[in-house]
Protein backbone atom coordinates (compact mmCIF):
# COMPACT_ATOMS: atom_id res chain seq x y z
CA UNK A 1 0.02 -0.06 -0.10
CA UNK A 2 1.28 3.36 -0.90
CA UNK A 3 0.89 6.68 1.03
CA UNK A 4 1.39 8.59 -2.23
CA UNK A 5 0.57 7.09 -5.67
CA UNK A 6 0.67 8.70 -8.92
CA UNK A 7 0.99 7.36 -12.40
CA UNK A 8 4.96 6.80 -12.03
CA UNK A 9 5.73 7.98 -8.49
CA UNK A 10 4.82 5.90 -5.80
CA UNK A 11 5.84 6.47 -2.23
CA UNK A 12 5.28 4.00 0.78
CA UNK A 13 4.66 5.41 4.23
CA UNK A 14 8.05 5.50 5.27
CA UNK A 15 9.43 7.31 2.24
CA UNK A 16 6.64 10.01 2.28
CA UNK A 17 7.20 10.54 5.87
CA UNK A 18 10.96 11.16 5.10
CA UNK A 19 10.04 13.48 2.40
CA UNK A 20 7.95 15.72 4.51
CA UNK A 21 10.73 15.79 7.12
CA UNK A 22 13.45 16.75 4.46
CA UNK A 23 11.23 19.16 2.70
CA UNK A 24 9.08 21.12 4.98
CA UNK A 25 8.75 24.37 2.91
CA UNK A 26 7.02 22.37 0.10
CA UNK A 27 3.60 21.44 -0.42
CA UNK A 28 4.58 17.98 -1.19
CA UNK A 29 1.41 16.56 -2.47
CA UNK A 30 1.46 19.34 -5.09
CA UNK A 31 5.16 19.09 -5.98
CA UNK A 32 4.70 15.24 -6.22
CA UNK A 33 1.89 15.75 -8.50
CA UNK A 34 3.93 18.01 -10.79
CA UNK A 35 6.89 15.59 -10.86
CA UNK A 36 4.46 12.72 -11.68
CA UNK A 37 2.98 14.41 -14.46
CA UNK A 38 6.54 15.13 -15.66
CA UNK A 39 7.68 11.52 -15.35
CA UNK A 40 4.68 10.21 -16.82
CA UNK A 41 5.53 11.84 -20.20
CA UNK A 42 8.98 10.50 -19.90
CA UNK A 43 8.70 7.06 -18.19
CA UNK A 44 11.81 5.42 -16.52
CA UNK A 45 12.24 3.03 -14.20
CA UNK A 46 14.56 5.23 -12.52
CA UNK A 47 12.40 7.93 -11.09
CA UNK A 48 13.47 8.09 -7.47
CA UNK A 49 16.68 9.88 -7.65
CA UNK A 50 15.71 12.40 -10.06
CA UNK A 51 12.51 13.10 -7.85
CA UNK A 52 14.74 13.91 -4.81
CA UNK A 53 17.04 16.03 -6.67
CA UNK A 54 14.02 18.00 -8.17
CA UNK A 55 12.36 18.10 -4.73
CA UNK A 56 15.82 19.26 -2.96
CA UNK A 57 16.12 22.01 -5.63
CA UNK A 58 12.33 23.32 -4.96
CA UNK A 59 13.16 23.38 -1.25
CA UNK A 60 16.28 25.43 -1.77
CA UNK A 61 14.29 27.83 -3.65
CA UNK A 62 11.51 27.85 -1.06
CA UNK A 63 14.29 28.60 1.79
CA UNK A 64 15.86 31.29 -0.43
CA UNK A 65 12.51 33.07 -0.66
CA UNK A 66 12.08 32.55 3.05
CA UNK A 67 8.50 31.36 2.66
CA UNK A 68 7.00 28.47 4.33
CA UNK A 69 4.47 26.50 2.50
CA UNK A 70 1.13 28.09 2.33
CA UNK A 71 -0.32 24.53 2.60
CA UNK A 72 -1.19 23.93 6.00
CA UNK A 73 -4.34 21.97 5.63
CA UNK A 74 -5.19 18.36 6.29
CA UNK A 75 -6.60 15.78 3.85
CA UNK A 76 -9.77 16.01 5.70
CA UNK A 77 -9.80 19.67 5.42
CA UNK A 78 -9.16 19.27 1.62
CA UNK A 79 -11.89 16.71 1.03
CA UNK A 80 -14.38 18.54 2.98
CA UNK A 81 -13.67 22.11 1.68
CA UNK A 82 -16.65 23.32 -0.44
CA UNK A 83 -15.45 26.82 -0.70
CA UNK A 84 -14.97 26.39 -4.19
CA UNK A 85 -18.72 25.71 -4.75
CA UNK A 86 -19.51 29.15 -3.45
CA UNK A 87 -17.54 30.78 -6.12
CA UNK A 88 -19.68 28.73 -8.68
CA UNK A 89 -22.95 29.39 -7.10
CA UNK A 90 -22.31 33.25 -7.26
CA UNK A 91 -21.09 33.14 -10.74
CA UNK A 92 -24.22 31.29 -11.97
CA UNK A 93 -26.54 33.62 -10.12
CA UNK A 94 -25.07 36.57 -12.04
């Protein structure tokens, strides 16, 4: 069972936890999604090390900007957030 699973990238719980610890300034789900899409277009069995290098690069950039990740929400909050629907209803009412 994977903690994060895309088309190419698949991380077990231990690797995902380690990534969260190593890259605290990143929105890890977002970054993994971007990398998974990139790697899906150029499939390779050797995606793990390039993934780590790209995450490390993004982490350095985030530190240089001095920004913490704006994503501090839990998965439950993401799944129950319906604020996007409010905007849809407002647009349809116009």
